[in-house]
Amino acid sequence: MVEIPDRAILGQFSRAVREMLADDDLIRAAPQEFSITPDLAMKMIPLFRQWRVSAEWTSREDMLKKISWRDDDGKLQSMAIRPDIIVHTPHTEVNILVVEAKRVGKKDYAGDIKKLTLMTVDHSVDTDYHYGYRVGVHLIIDLPNRRVAGNDVYRNGQVDGDLTDWLWRLLH
């Protein structure tokens, strides 16, 4: 795992989010989520020069990107995924940050939460679909009001309250 403090990762991420929320053209256009996240990814690129910032990344080497888990009966389940934004080094196990973002008003977060939980765990039930992201962020964006309406920071497969509170303070 890359030795970069979690707060350094989240600090850089918060700079990009604040820059996005200050973008008059983006606010006037009021695009949907699938247009907002690539814009945020572009703003993140200069802040994460050591890594690749990718929006809507769908593959890992020659395999479709998936997550796996065991259901209540112990049966292995899997689902294809397309994270909104990832910060990583392609073709390695160096995975720094995964972001799932929604516009305020959307209420179906279950898929985002499952992705962030499973993409940030230390050990996965299926090693072919292990990612081990250092941190994950669930971001709720209120674009018309230029603010973040909510955020959760995932570390080791669960919400980290301290990092969530710290990121919230940076974003407000």
N, C-alpha and C. Protein backbone atom coordinates (compact mmCIF):
# COMPACT_ATOMS: atom_id res chain seq x y z
N MET A 1 0.84 -1.18 0.00
CA MET A 1 0.00 0.00 0.00
C MET A 1 0.89 1.24 0.00
N VAL A 2 0.49 2.24 -0.75
CA VAL A 2 1.24 3.49 -0.84
C VAL A 2 1.16 4.23 0.48
N GLU A 3 2.27 4.74 0.92
CA GLU A 3 2.31 5.48 2.18
C GLU A 3 2.00 6.94 1.93
N ILE A 4 0.73 7.25 1.94
CA ILE A 4 0.26 8.63 1.86
C ILE A 4 -0.82 8.76 2.91
N PRO A 5 -0.72 9.77 3.76
CA PRO A 5 -1.73 9.91 4.81
C PRO A 5 -3.13 10.09 4.23
N ASP A 6 -4.10 9.49 4.90
CA ASP A 6 -5.49 9.61 4.47
C ASP A 6 -5.91 11.08 4.36
N ARG A 7 -5.50 11.87 5.30
CA ARG A 7 -5.89 13.29 5.28
C ARG A 7 -5.27 14.03 4.11
N ALA A 8 -4.10 13.61 3.67
CA ALA A 8 -3.50 14.24 2.48
C ALA A 8 -4.34 13.93 1.24
N ILE A 9 -4.78 12.69 1.14
CA ILE A 9 -5.63 12.29 0.02
C ILE A 9 -6.92 13.10 0.04
N LEU A 10 -7.56 13.14 1.19
CA LEU A 10 -8.85 13.83 1.31
C LEU A 10 -8.69 15.34 1.18
N GLY A 11 -7.56 15.87 1.62
CA GLY A 11 -7.30 17.30 1.46
C GLY A 11 -7.22 17.69 0.00
N GLN A 12 -6.51 16.91 -0.78
CA GLN A 12 -6.43 17.18 -2.23
C GLN A 12 -7.80 17.03 -2.88
N PHE A 13 -8.51 15.99 -2.50
CA PHE A 13 -9.85 15.77 -3.04
C PHE A 13 -10.76 16.96 -2.72
N SER A 14 -10.69 17.45 -1.50
CA SER A 14 -11.56 18.58 -1.11
C SER A 14 -11.25 19.83 -1.92
N ARG A 15 -9.99 20.03 -2.26
CA ARG A 15 -9.63 21.19 -3.12
C ARG A 15 -10.33 21.09 -4.46
N ALA A 16 -10.34 19.90 -5.05
CA ALA A 16 -11.00 19.71 -6.34
C ALA A 16 -12.51 19.91 -6.23
N VAL A 17 -13.11 19.43 -5.16
CA VAL A 17 -14.56 19.62 -4.97
C VAL A 17 -14.88 21.10 -4.82
N ARG A 18 -14.11 21.80 -4.03
CA ARG A 18 -14.37 23.25 -3.86
C ARG A 18 -14.19 23.99 -5.19
N GLU A 19 -13.20 23.60 -5.98
CA GLU A 19 -13.01 24.20 -7.30
C GLU A 19 -14.21 23.92 -8.20
N MET A 20 -14.72 22.69 -8.16
CA MET A 20 -15.89 22.34 -8.96
C MET A 20 -17.09 23.19 -8.55
N LEU A 21 -17.30 23.36 -7.26
CA LEU A 21 -18.45 24.12 -6.77
C LEU A 21 -18.33 25.62 -7.07
N ALA A 22 -17.13 26.08 -7.38
CA ALA A 22 -16.91 27.48 -7.73
C ALA A 22 -17.01 27.72 -9.24
N ASP A 23 -17.22 26.67 -10.01
CA ASP A 23 -17.23 26.75 -11.48
C ASP A 23 -18.59 27.27 -11.96
N ASP A 24 -18.64 28.54 -12.33
CA ASP A 24 -19.89 29.18 -12.76
C ASP A 24 -20.52 28.48 -13.96
N ASP A 25 -19.71 28.07 -14.92
CA ASP A 25 -20.25 27.41 -16.10
C ASP A 25 -20.93 26.09 -15.74
N LEU A 26 -20.32 25.33 -14.85
CA LEU A 26 -20.90 24.06 -14.42
C LEU A 26 -22.21 24.30 -13.66
N ILE A 27 -22.23 25.28 -12.79
CA ILE A 27 -23.43 25.58 -12.02
C ILE A 27 -24.57 25.99 -12.94
N ARG A 28 -24.28 26.85 -13.91
CA ARG A 28 -25.33 27.28 -14.87
C ARG A 28 -25.84 26.13 -15.71
N ALA A 29 -24.97 25.23 -16.11
CA ALA A 29 -25.37 24.10 -16.95
C ALA A 29 -26.21 23.09 -16.19
N ALA A 30 -25.98 22.98 -14.87
CA ALA A 30 -26.72 22.05 -14.01
C ALA A 30 -26.81 20.64 -14.60
N PRO A 31 -25.67 20.05 -14.95
CA PRO A 31 -25.70 18.72 -15.57
C PRO A 31 -26.05 17.61 -14.58
N GLN A 32 -26.33 16.45 -15.12
CA GLN A 32 -26.61 15.27 -14.31
C GLN A 32 -25.29 14.70 -13.77
N GLU A 33 -25.42 13.73 -12.87
CA GLU A 33 -24.26 13.13 -12.21
C GLU A 33 -23.21 12.64 -13.20
N PHE A 34 -23.64 11.96 -14.27
CA PHE A 34 -22.67 11.38 -15.20
C PHE A 34 -21.87 12.45 -15.94
N SER A 35 -22.27 13.70 -15.86
CA SER A 35 -21.47 14.80 -16.42
C SER A 35 -20.65 15.51 -15.35
N ILE A 36 -21.14 15.49 -14.12
CA ILE A 36 -20.44 16.16 -13.02
C ILE A 36 -19.18 15.41 -12.64
N THR A 37 -19.25 14.09 -12.52
CA THR A 37 -18.09 13.35 -12.03
C THR A 37 -16.88 13.40 -12.96
N PRO A 38 -17.05 13.34 -14.28
CA PRO A 38 -15.86 13.53 -15.12
C PRO A 38 -15.26 14.93 -14.98
N ASP A 39 -16.11 15.92 -14.77
CA ASP A 39 -15.62 17.28 -14.57
C ASP A 39 -14.81 17.34 -13.27
N LEU A 40 -15.31 16.72 -12.22
CA LEU A 40 -14.57 16.67 -10.96
C LEU A 40 -13.26 15.91 -11.15
N ALA A 41 -13.29 14.82 -11.88
CA ALA A 41 -12.06 14.05 -12.14
C ALA A 41 -11.02 14.92 -12.84
N MET A 42 -11.44 15.73 -13.80
CA MET A 42 -10.49 16.62 -14.50
C MET A 42 -9.86 17.62 -13.53
N LYS A 43 -10.64 18.09 -12.58
CA LYS A 43 -10.11 19.04 -11.59
C LYS A 43 -9.16 18.35 -10.61
N MET A 44 -9.31 17.04 -10.45
CA MET A 44 -8.44 16.28 -9.55
C MET A 44 -7.08 15.96 -10.17
N ILE A 45 -7.00 15.90 -11.48
CA ILE A 45 -5.77 15.46 -12.15
C ILE A 45 -4.53 16.23 -11.70
N PRO A 46 -4.53 17.56 -11.69
CA PRO A 46 -3.31 18.25 -11.26
C PRO A 46 -2.98 18.08 -9.78
N LEU A 47 -3.94 17.64 -8.99
CA LEU A 47 -3.73 17.47 -7.55
C LEU A 47 -3.22 16.08 -7.19
N PHE A 48 -3.32 15.16 -8.13
CA PHE A 48 -2.87 13.78 -7.92
C PHE A 48 -1.90 13.38 -9.03
N ARG A 49 -0.86 14.15 -9.21
CA ARG A 49 0.08 13.96 -10.33
C ARG A 49 0.79 12.61 -10.30
N GLN A 50 0.96 12.00 -9.15
CA GLN A 50 1.67 10.72 -9.05
C GLN A 50 0.83 9.55 -9.55
N TRP A 51 -0.46 9.76 -9.68
CA TRP A 51 -1.38 8.67 -10.01
C TRP A 51 -2.25 9.04 -11.20
N ARG A 52 -3.00 8.09 -11.66
CA ARG A 52 -3.96 8.33 -12.73
C ARG A 52 -5.32 8.58 -12.08
N VAL A 53 -6.00 9.63 -12.51
CA VAL A 53 -7.37 9.91 -12.10
C VAL A 53 -8.26 9.50 -13.25
N SER A 54 -9.17 8.57 -12.99
CA SER A 54 -10.00 8.02 -14.05
C SER A 54 -11.48 8.10 -13.67
N ALA A 55 -12.28 8.54 -14.61
CA ALA A 55 -13.73 8.59 -14.41
C ALA A 55 -14.36 7.40 -15.13
N GLU A 56 -15.34 6.79 -14.47
CA GLU A 56 -16.13 5.72 -15.08
C GLU A 56 -15.25 4.56 -15.58
N TRP A 57 -14.29 4.15 -14.78
CA TRP A 57 -13.33 3.09 -15.15
C TRP A 57 -14.02 1.73 -15.05
N THR A 58 -14.00 0.94 -16.11
CA THR A 58 -14.80 -0.29 -16.15
C THR A 58 -14.00 -1.58 -16.20
N SER A 59 -12.68 -1.49 -16.28
CA SER A 59 -11.94 -2.74 -16.41
C SER A 59 -10.70 -2.75 -15.53
N ARG A 60 -10.23 -3.98 -15.36
CA ARG A 60 -8.97 -4.20 -14.65
C ARG A 60 -8.22 -5.21 -15.49
N GLU A 61 -7.15 -4.71 -16.10
CA GLU A 61 -6.44 -5.53 -17.09
C GLU A 61 -7.44 -5.98 -18.15
N ASP A 62 -7.58 -7.29 -18.36
CA ASP A 62 -8.50 -7.77 -19.39
C ASP A 62 -9.84 -8.23 -18.82
N MET A 63 -10.10 -7.91 -17.53
CA MET A 63 -11.34 -8.33 -16.88
C MET A 63 -12.25 -7.14 -16.63
N LEU A 64 -13.54 -7.39 -16.67
CA LEU A 64 -14.52 -6.40 -16.29
C LEU A 64 -14.37 -6.13 -14.80
N LYS A 65 -14.43 -4.87 -14.39
CA LYS A 65 -14.33 -4.52 -12.98
C LYS A 65 -15.61 -4.99 -12.29
N LYS A 66 -15.44 -5.77 -11.20
CA LYS A 66 -16.56 -6.31 -10.44
C LYS A 66 -16.26 -6.25 -8.96
N ILE A 67 -17.32 -6.39 -8.18
CA ILE A 67 -17.18 -6.62 -6.75
C ILE A 67 -17.83 -7.96 -6.43
N SER A 68 -17.34 -8.61 -5.39
CA SER A 68 -17.88 -9.91 -4.97
C SER A 68 -18.14 -9.89 -3.47
N TRP A 69 -19.15 -10.66 -3.07
CA TRP A 69 -19.51 -10.78 -1.67
C TRP A 69 -20.28 -12.09 -1.48
N ARG A 70 -20.44 -12.48 -0.24
CA ARG A 70 -21.24 -13.65 0.08
C ARG A 70 -22.60 -13.18 0.58
N ASP A 71 -23.67 -13.77 0.01
CA ASP A 71 -25.01 -13.41 0.44
C ASP A 71 -25.34 -14.06 1.78
N ASP A 72 -26.55 -13.88 2.25
CA ASP A 72 -26.96 -14.42 3.56
C ASP A 72 -26.87 -15.94 3.63
N ASP A 73 -26.95 -16.61 2.48
CA ASP A 73 -26.84 -18.07 2.44
C ASP A 73 -25.41 -18.54 2.23
N GLY A 74 -24.46 -17.60 2.15
CA GLY A 74 -23.06 -17.95 1.96
C GLY A 74 -22.66 -18.14 0.51
N LYS A 75 -23.58 -17.89 -0.40
CA LYS A 75 -23.31 -18.05 -1.83
C LYS A 75 -22.55 -16.83 -2.36
N LEU A 76 -21.52 -17.09 -3.15
CA LEU A 76 -20.72 -16.02 -3.73
C LEU A 76 -21.54 -15.27 -4.79
N GLN A 77 -21.61 -13.97 -4.64
CA GLN A 77 -22.31 -13.09 -5.57
C GLN A 77 -21.29 -12.12 -6.17
N SER A 78 -21.57 -11.64 -7.36
CA SER A 78 -20.71 -10.61 -7.94
C SER A 78 -21.55 -9.69 -8.81
N MET A 79 -21.02 -8.51 -9.04
CA MET A 79 -21.72 -7.49 -9.80
C MET A 79 -20.69 -6.63 -10.53
N ALA A 80 -20.94 -6.38 -11.81
CA ALA A 80 -20.08 -5.47 -12.56
C ALA A 80 -20.26 -4.06 -12.01
N ILE A 81 -19.17 -3.31 -11.97
CA ILE A 81 -19.22 -1.95 -11.44
C ILE A 81 -18.51 -0.98 -12.37
N ARG A 82 -18.85 0.28 -12.17
CA ARG A 82 -18.21 1.38 -12.88
C ARG A 82 -18.10 2.54 -11.88
N PRO A 83 -17.03 2.55 -11.08
CA PRO A 83 -16.89 3.63 -10.10
C PRO A 83 -16.89 4.99 -10.78
N ASP A 84 -17.47 5.99 -10.11
CA ASP A 84 -17.53 7.33 -10.68
C ASP A 84 -16.13 7.88 -10.94
N ILE A 85 -15.26 7.79 -9.93
CA ILE A 85 -13.88 8.29 -10.06
C ILE A 85 -12.97 7.37 -9.25
N ILE A 86 -11.82 7.04 -9.82
CA ILE A 86 -10.79 6.34 -9.06
C ILE A 86 -9.46 7.04 -9.25
N VAL A 87 -8.63 6.96 -8.22
CA VAL A 87 -7.26 7.46 -8.28
C VAL A 87 -6.39 6.23 -8.03
N HIS A 88 -5.54 5.91 -9.01
CA HIS A 88 -4.83 4.62 -8.97
C HIS A 88 -3.59 4.67 -9.84
N THR A 89 -2.83 3.60 -9.78
CA THR A 89 -1.75 3.37 -10.72
C THR A 89 -2.16 2.15 -11.54
N PRO A 90 -2.51 2.34 -12.81
CA PRO A 90 -2.97 1.20 -13.61
C PRO A 90 -1.94 0.07 -13.64
N HIS A 91 -2.45 -1.15 -13.72
CA HIS A 91 -1.63 -2.36 -13.85
C HIS A 91 -0.83 -2.68 -12.59
N THR A 92 -1.26 -2.08 -11.46
CA THR A 92 -0.62 -2.36 -10.17
C THR A 92 -1.73 -2.53 -9.13
N GLU A 93 -1.32 -2.78 -7.91
CA GLU A 93 -2.27 -2.86 -6.79
C GLU A 93 -2.35 -1.53 -6.04
N VAL A 94 -1.82 -0.46 -6.64
CA VAL A 94 -1.81 0.85 -5.98
C VAL A 94 -3.13 1.56 -6.29
N ASN A 95 -4.03 1.52 -5.32
CA ASN A 95 -5.36 2.13 -5.43
C ASN A 95 -5.53 3.09 -4.26
N ILE A 96 -5.65 4.36 -4.57
CA ILE A 96 -5.61 5.41 -3.57
C ILE A 96 -7.00 5.86 -3.11
N LEU A 97 -7.87 6.20 -4.06
CA LEU A 97 -9.15 6.82 -3.73
C LEU A 97 -10.21 6.36 -4.72
N VAL A 98 -11.39 6.01 -4.20
CA VAL A 98 -12.55 5.71 -5.03
C VAL A 98 -13.67 6.64 -4.58
N VAL A 99 -14.37 7.23 -5.55
CA VAL A 99 -15.42 8.21 -5.25
C VAL A 99 -16.72 7.79 -5.92
N GLU A 100 -17.79 7.82 -5.15
CA GLU A 100 -19.14 7.67 -5.68
C GLU A 100 -19.87 8.96 -5.33
N ALA A 101 -20.46 9.60 -6.32
CA ALA A 101 -21.12 10.88 -6.11
C ALA A 101 -22.56 10.84 -6.61
N LYS A 102 -23.39 11.57 -5.93
CA LYS A 102 -24.79 11.72 -6.31
C LYS A 102 -25.19 13.17 -6.18
N ARG A 103 -26.16 13.57 -7.00
CA ARG A 103 -26.77 14.90 -6.82
C ARG A 103 -27.73 14.82 -5.65
N VAL A 104 -27.87 15.91 -4.93
CA VAL A 104 -28.80 15.96 -3.82
C VAL A 104 -30.20 15.64 -4.34
N GLY A 105 -30.96 14.95 -3.53
CA GLY A 105 -32.31 14.56 -3.94
C GLY A 105 -32.41 13.10 -4.35
N LYS A 106 -31.31 12.52 -4.79
CA LYS A 106 -31.30 11.09 -5.11
C LYS A 106 -31.28 10.34 -3.79
N LYS A 107 -32.04 9.30 -3.70
CA LYS A 107 -32.14 8.59 -2.42
C LYS A 107 -31.62 7.16 -2.48
N ASP A 108 -31.33 6.65 -3.65
CA ASP A 108 -30.90 5.27 -3.78
C ASP A 108 -29.37 5.19 -3.71
N TYR A 109 -28.87 5.00 -2.50
CA TYR A 109 -27.43 4.96 -2.28
C TYR A 109 -26.90 3.55 -2.07
N ALA A 110 -27.76 2.56 -2.07
CA ALA A 110 -27.35 1.19 -1.73
C ALA A 110 -26.21 0.69 -2.61
N GLY A 111 -26.29 0.90 -3.91
CA GLY A 111 -25.23 0.45 -4.81
C GLY A 111 -23.91 1.15 -4.55
N ASP A 112 -23.97 2.45 -4.30
CA ASP A 112 -22.76 3.21 -3.99
C ASP A 112 -22.11 2.71 -2.71
N ILE A 113 -22.93 2.48 -1.69
CA ILE A 113 -22.42 2.03 -0.40
C ILE A 113 -21.79 0.64 -0.53
N LYS A 114 -22.42 -0.25 -1.27
CA LYS A 114 -21.86 -1.59 -1.48
C LYS A 114 -20.50 -1.49 -2.19
N LYS A 115 -20.44 -0.67 -3.24
CA LYS A 115 -19.16 -0.50 -3.95
C LYS A 115 -18.07 0.03 -3.03
N LEU A 116 -18.38 1.10 -2.30
CA LEU A 116 -17.37 1.72 -1.45
C LEU A 116 -16.93 0.78 -0.33
N THR A 117 -17.87 0.05 0.22
CA THR A 117 -17.54 -0.91 1.27
C THR A 117 -16.60 -1.98 0.74
N LEU A 118 -16.96 -2.58 -0.38
CA LEU A 118 -16.18 -3.71 -0.91
C LEU A 118 -14.89 -3.28 -1.61
N MET A 119 -14.83 -2.07 -2.10
CA MET A 119 -13.61 -1.61 -2.78
C MET A 119 -12.56 -1.11 -1.80
N THR A 120 -12.94 -0.91 -0.53
CA THR A 120 -11.97 -0.41 0.45
C THR A 120 -11.58 -1.46 1.49
N VAL A 121 -12.09 -2.68 1.38
CA VAL A 121 -11.72 -3.71 2.35
C VAL A 121 -10.28 -4.19 2.12
N ASP A 122 -9.67 -4.70 3.19
CA ASP A 122 -8.31 -5.22 3.09
C ASP A 122 -8.26 -6.58 2.40
N HIS A 123 -9.29 -7.39 2.61
CA HIS A 123 -9.34 -8.73 2.01
C HIS A 123 -10.71 -8.94 1.40
N SER A 124 -10.76 -9.40 0.18
CA SER A 124 -12.02 -9.65 -0.51
C SER A 124 -12.29 -11.14 -0.58
N VAL A 125 -13.58 -11.49 -0.72
CA VAL A 125 -13.94 -12.91 -0.79
C VAL A 125 -13.46 -13.56 -2.09
N ASP A 126 -13.22 -12.76 -3.11
CA ASP A 126 -12.71 -13.25 -4.40
C ASP A 126 -11.50 -12.41 -4.77
N THR A 127 -10.33 -13.01 -4.73
CA THR A 127 -9.09 -12.24 -4.96
C THR A 127 -9.02 -11.63 -6.35
N ASP A 128 -9.76 -12.19 -7.32
CA ASP A 128 -9.78 -11.59 -8.65
C ASP A 128 -10.43 -10.21 -8.63
N TYR A 129 -11.25 -9.96 -7.64
CA TYR A 129 -11.97 -8.69 -7.56
C TYR A 129 -11.66 -7.95 -6.26
N HIS A 130 -10.39 -8.01 -5.87
CA HIS A 130 -9.94 -7.26 -4.70
C HIS A 130 -9.27 -5.98 -5.19
N TYR A 131 -9.62 -4.86 -4.56
CA TYR A 131 -9.07 -3.57 -4.98
C TYR A 131 -8.28 -2.89 -3.86
N GLY A 132 -8.74 -2.96 -2.64
CA GLY A 132 -8.00 -2.41 -1.51
C GLY A 132 -7.73 -0.92 -1.60
N TYR A 133 -8.71 -0.15 -2.03
CA TYR A 133 -8.52 1.31 -2.08
C TYR A 133 -8.24 1.84 -0.69
N ARG A 134 -7.33 2.78 -0.62
CA ARG A 134 -6.93 3.37 0.66
C ARG A 134 -8.14 4.01 1.35
N VAL A 135 -8.87 4.86 0.61
CA VAL A 135 -10.10 5.48 1.12
C VAL A 135 -11.12 5.57 0.01
N GLY A 136 -12.37 5.64 0.42
CA GLY A 136 -13.48 5.85 -0.50
C GLY A 136 -14.32 7.00 0.01
N VAL A 137 -14.94 7.73 -0.90
CA VAL A 137 -15.79 8.85 -0.51
C VAL A 137 -17.14 8.75 -1.20
N HIS A 138 -18.19 8.85 -0.39
CA HIS A 138 -19.55 8.98 -0.90
C HIS A 138 -19.90 10.45 -0.75
N LEU A 139 -20.15 11.11 -1.88
CA LEU A 139 -20.33 12.56 -1.92
C LEU A 139 -21.72 12.88 -2.43
N ILE A 140 -22.46 13.71 -1.69
CA ILE A 140 -23.77 14.17 -2.11
C ILE A 140 -23.63 15.66 -2.43
N ILE A 141 -23.88 15.99 -3.71
CA ILE A 141 -23.60 17.34 -4.21
C ILE A 141 -24.90 18.11 -4.43
N ASP A 142 -24.97 19.31 -3.86
CA ASP A 142 -26.07 20.25 -4.10
C ASP A 142 -25.50 21.33 -5.02
N LEU A 143 -25.50 21.03 -6.32
CA LEU A 143 -24.85 21.90 -7.29
C LEU A 143 -25.47 23.29 -7.36
N PRO A 144 -26.81 23.41 -7.43
CA PRO A 144 -27.38 24.77 -7.53
C PRO A 144 -27.00 25.68 -6.36
N ASN A 145 -26.82 25.08 -5.18
CA ASN A 145 -26.46 25.88 -4.00
C ASN A 145 -24.97 25.86 -3.70
N ARG A 146 -24.19 25.28 -4.62
CA ARG A 146 -22.73 25.27 -4.51
C ARG A 146 -22.24 24.71 -3.18
N ARG A 147 -22.79 23.54 -2.81
CA ARG A 147 -22.36 22.98 -1.53
C ARG A 147 -22.41 21.46 -1.58
N VAL A 148 -21.71 20.87 -0.64
CA VAL A 148 -21.79 19.43 -0.43
C VAL A 148 -22.85 19.21 0.63
N ALA A 149 -23.86 18.42 0.29
CA ALA A 149 -24.97 18.16 1.21
C ALA A 149 -24.67 16.99 2.14
N GLY A 150 -23.71 16.16 1.78
CA GLY A 150 -23.35 15.03 2.62
C GLY A 150 -22.10 14.34 2.12
N ASN A 151 -21.40 13.70 3.03
CA ASN A 151 -20.24 12.90 2.64
C ASN A 151 -19.97 11.85 3.71
N ASP A 152 -19.51 10.71 3.26
CA ASP A 152 -19.03 9.65 4.14
C ASP A 152 -17.68 9.20 3.59
N VAL A 153 -16.74 8.97 4.48
CA VAL A 153 -15.43 8.46 4.10
C VAL A 153 -15.33 7.01 4.55
N TYR A 154 -15.00 6.14 3.60
CA TYR A 154 -14.86 4.71 3.87
C TYR A 154 -13.39 4.36 3.99
N ARG A 155 -13.10 3.56 5.00
CA ARG A 155 -11.74 3.06 5.22
C ARG A 155 -11.91 1.65 5.76
N ASN A 156 -11.19 0.71 5.17
CA ASN A 156 -11.27 -0.69 5.61
C ASN A 156 -12.71 -1.23 5.60
N GLY A 157 -13.47 -0.85 4.58
CA GLY A 157 -14.79 -1.42 4.38
C GLY A 157 -15.90 -0.84 5.22
N GLN A 158 -15.64 0.26 5.91
CA GLN A 158 -16.69 0.87 6.72
C GLN A 158 -16.50 2.37 6.80
N VAL A 159 -17.58 3.06 7.21
CA VAL A 159 -17.49 4.50 7.36
C VAL A 159 -16.57 4.82 8.53
N ASP A 160 -15.63 5.71 8.28
CA ASP A 160 -14.71 6.19 9.31
C ASP A 160 -15.25 7.55 9.78
N GLY A 161 -15.79 7.58 10.99
CA GLY A 161 -16.42 8.79 11.50
C GLY A 161 -15.48 9.98 11.61
N ASP A 162 -14.26 9.74 12.07
CA ASP A 162 -13.31 10.84 12.21
C ASP A 162 -12.95 11.46 10.87
N LEU A 163 -12.65 10.61 9.88
CA LEU A 163 -12.31 11.14 8.55
C LEU A 163 -13.52 11.78 7.88
N THR A 164 -14.71 11.23 8.11
CA THR A 164 -15.93 11.82 7.55
C THR A 164 -16.12 13.23 8.10
N ASP A 165 -15.99 13.39 9.41
CA ASP A 165 -16.14 14.71 10.04
C ASP A 165 -15.06 15.67 9.55
N TRP A 166 -13.83 15.18 9.43
CA TRP A 166 -12.73 16.02 8.99
C TRP A 166 -12.97 16.52 7.56
N LEU A 167 -13.38 15.62 6.66
CA LEU A 167 -13.67 16.03 5.28
C LEU A 167 -14.83 17.01 5.24
N TRP A 168 -15.86 16.78 6.05
CA TRP A 168 -17.01 17.69 6.10
C TRP A 168 -16.55 19.11 6.44
N ARG A 169 -15.66 19.22 7.42
CA ARG A 169 -15.16 20.54 7.80
C ARG A 169 -14.37 21.18 6.66
N LEU A 170 -13.61 20.39 5.93
CA LEU A 170 -12.86 20.95 4.80
C LEU A 170 -13.77 21.46 3.69
N LEU A 171 -14.88 20.80 3.52
CA LEU A 171 -15.79 21.13 2.41
C LEU A 171 -16.77 22.24 2.76
N HIS A 172 -16.76 22.69 4.01
CA HIS A 172 -17.72 23.74 4.42
C HIS A 172 -17.05 24.94 5.02
